[in-house]
Amino acid sequence: MLTRATRTASILAIVALSTDAISFDVEQALRNTAAHLNQSTPRPIGNDAYFEGAVAYERTLKYRFSFRKLQKDQISSEFALKQTEFLTHFVCATPEMQVFVENDVTLKYAYYDKHGKLVVLIAVEPGSCASE
């Protein structure tokens, strides 16, 4: 997941740097990032988890993941807590992710079970990085 997220941040950063700051369109940059990510989906990311795709809307980039063999009731409640902590730290502390924070972009990570049921939706808001 780190590689994909870093690559995503790099794509957005390149778009941001190659565009005049006054005319920079965050929404278009996010749509372009999602389109680029979706070119190679679905793809495994380890431990029976798959990256299914991304969508961009309203200063938000939402990633969709699925567990191919697990049902919702088989996934520990600790998963949401640990993943929230990990993703918040990752977004707030990784230099490549700062382009999202600086452009007030919310990153959402939606995890689904093998039947398509939502397991957890984790949102990392730019404001959450102030406490990091």
Protein backbone atom coordinates (compact mmCIF):
# COMPACT_ATOMS: atom_id res chain seq x y z
CA MET A 1 0.00 0.00 0.00
CA LEU A 2 2.84 2.42 0.71
CA THR A 3 4.16 2.13 -2.81
CA ARG A 4 0.77 2.84 -4.39
CA ALA A 5 0.04 5.74 -2.04
CA THR A 6 3.48 7.20 -2.61
CA ARG A 7 3.03 6.85 -6.37
CA THR A 8 -0.38 8.54 -6.10
CA ALA A 9 1.08 11.41 -4.13
CA SER A 10 3.87 11.76 -6.65
CA ILE A 11 1.39 11.94 -9.51
CA LEU A 12 -0.58 14.65 -7.77
CA ALA A 13 2.63 16.49 -6.86
CA ILE A 14 3.84 16.41 -10.47
CA VAL A 15 0.51 17.76 -11.67
CA ALA A 16 0.64 20.47 -9.00
CA LEU A 17 4.21 21.46 -9.81
CA SER A 18 3.66 21.48 -13.55
CA THR A 19 0.65 23.77 -13.32
CA ASP A 20 0.48 27.46 -12.58
CA ALA A 21 -0.46 27.77 -8.88
CA ILE A 22 -3.23 30.24 -9.69
CA SER A 23 -4.91 27.92 -12.18
CA PHE A 24 -4.22 24.63 -10.37
CA ASP A 25 -7.39 22.56 -10.38
CA VAL A 26 -7.28 20.17 -7.42
CA GLU A 27 -10.43 18.38 -8.56
CA GLN A 28 -8.98 17.67 -12.01
CA ALA A 29 -5.69 16.54 -10.49
CA LEU A 30 -7.57 14.13 -8.22
CA ARG A 31 -9.63 12.77 -11.13
CA ASN A 32 -6.41 12.25 -13.12
CA THR A 33 -4.82 10.48 -10.16
CA ALA A 34 -7.83 8.17 -9.74
CA ALA A 35 -7.88 7.40 -13.47
CA HIS A 36 -4.18 6.54 -13.40
CA LEU A 37 -4.61 4.25 -10.39
CA ASN A 38 -7.59 2.50 -11.97
CA GLN A 39 -5.57 1.49 -15.04
CA SER A 40 -4.07 -1.43 -13.14
CA THR A 41 -6.91 -2.65 -10.94
CA PRO A 42 -7.80 -4.90 -9.34
CA ARG A 43 -4.41 -5.80 -7.95
CA PRO A 44 -3.28 -7.70 -4.87
CA ILE A 45 -1.72 -5.75 -2.03
CA GLY A 46 -1.00 -8.68 0.27
CA ASN A 47 -2.70 -10.93 2.79
CA ASP A 48 -5.72 -11.62 0.57
CA ALA A 49 -6.42 -7.90 0.20
CA TYR A 50 -6.91 -6.25 -3.16
CA PHE A 51 -6.88 -2.67 -4.32
CA GLU A 52 -10.07 -2.38 -6.38
CA GLY A 53 -9.86 1.23 -7.52
CA ALA A 54 -10.18 4.88 -6.64
CA VAL A 55 -12.68 7.68 -7.16
CA ALA A 56 -12.25 11.42 -6.82
CA TYR A 57 -14.92 13.87 -5.76
CA GLU A 58 -15.27 17.10 -3.74
CA ARG A 59 -11.60 17.37 -2.68
CA THR A 60 -11.63 13.70 -1.74
CA LEU A 61 -9.72 10.72 -3.06
CA LYS A 62 -11.37 7.47 -2.02
CA TYR A 63 -9.59 4.15 -2.31
CA ARG A 64 -11.54 0.88 -2.41
CA PHE A 65 -10.04 -2.33 -1.02
CA SER A 66 -11.52 -5.79 -0.65
CA PHE A 67 -10.76 -8.96 1.23
CA ARG A 68 -11.37 -11.85 -1.15
CA LYS A 69 -11.72 -14.60 1.48
CA LEU A 70 -12.95 -12.84 4.60
CA GLN A 71 -16.45 -11.99 5.72
CA LYS A 72 -17.16 -8.88 7.74
CA ASP A 73 -17.62 -10.82 10.98
CA GLN A 74 -14.20 -12.46 10.53
CA ILE A 75 -12.38 -9.12 10.58
CA SER A 76 -11.28 -7.96 14.01
CA SER A 77 -12.50 -4.65 15.38
CA GLU A 78 -8.82 -3.97 16.06
CA PHE A 79 -8.30 -3.73 12.30
CA ALA A 80 -10.17 -0.42 12.09
CA LEU A 81 -8.30 1.06 15.04
CA LYS A 82 -4.85 -0.02 13.88
CA GLN A 83 -5.49 0.91 10.25
CA THR A 84 -6.81 4.35 11.23
CA GLU A 85 -3.71 4.99 13.32
CA PHE A 86 -1.40 3.73 10.56
CA LEU A 87 -3.07 5.67 7.74
CA THR A 88 -3.29 8.92 9.71
CA HIS A 89 0.39 8.74 10.55
CA PHE A 90 1.26 7.76 6.98
CA VAL A 91 -0.66 10.64 5.41
CA CYS A 92 0.52 13.21 7.94
CA ALA A 93 4.18 12.16 8.21
CA THR A 94 5.15 11.06 4.70
CA PRO A 95 6.62 13.89 2.61
CA GLU A 96 5.04 12.57 -0.61
CA MET A 97 1.58 12.75 0.99
CA GLN A 98 1.92 16.41 2.00
CA VAL A 99 0.55 17.54 -1.36
CA PHE A 100 -2.83 16.15 -0.24
CA VAL A 101 -2.66 17.84 3.15
CA GLU A 102 -1.52 21.16 1.67
CA ASN A 103 -4.36 21.12 -0.87
CA ASP A 104 -7.00 20.28 1.76
CA VAL A 105 -7.74 16.83 0.29
CA THR A 106 -9.49 14.17 2.37
CA LEU A 107 -8.24 10.64 1.80
CA LYS A 108 -10.76 7.86 2.36
CA TYR A 109 -9.97 4.18 2.59
CA ALA A 110 -12.97 1.85 2.21
CA TYR A 111 -12.53 -1.84 3.03
CA TYR A 112 -15.10 -4.43 1.91
CA ASP A 113 -15.51 -8.11 2.66
CA LYS A 114 -15.82 -10.95 0.16
CA HIS A 115 -19.56 -10.27 -0.22
CA GLY A 116 -19.11 -6.57 -0.90
CA LYS A 117 -20.21 -5.49 2.59
CA LEU A 118 -18.47 -2.43 3.96
CA VAL A 119 -16.14 -3.42 6.79
CA VAL A 120 -14.78 0.04 7.62
CA LEU A 121 -14.42 3.45 6.04
CA ILE A 122 -11.43 5.41 7.30
CA ALA A 123 -11.18 9.11 6.50
CA VAL A 124 -7.97 11.04 6.99
CA GLU A 125 -8.90 14.72 7.03
CA PRO A 126 -6.19 17.32 6.43
CA GLY A 127 -6.96 18.86 9.81
CA SER A 128 -6.07 15.63 11.59
CA CYS A 129 -2.43 16.26 10.68
CA ALA A 130 -2.20 19.30 12.94
CA SER A 131 -2.02 16.98 15.96
CA GLU A 132 0.60 14.67 14.37
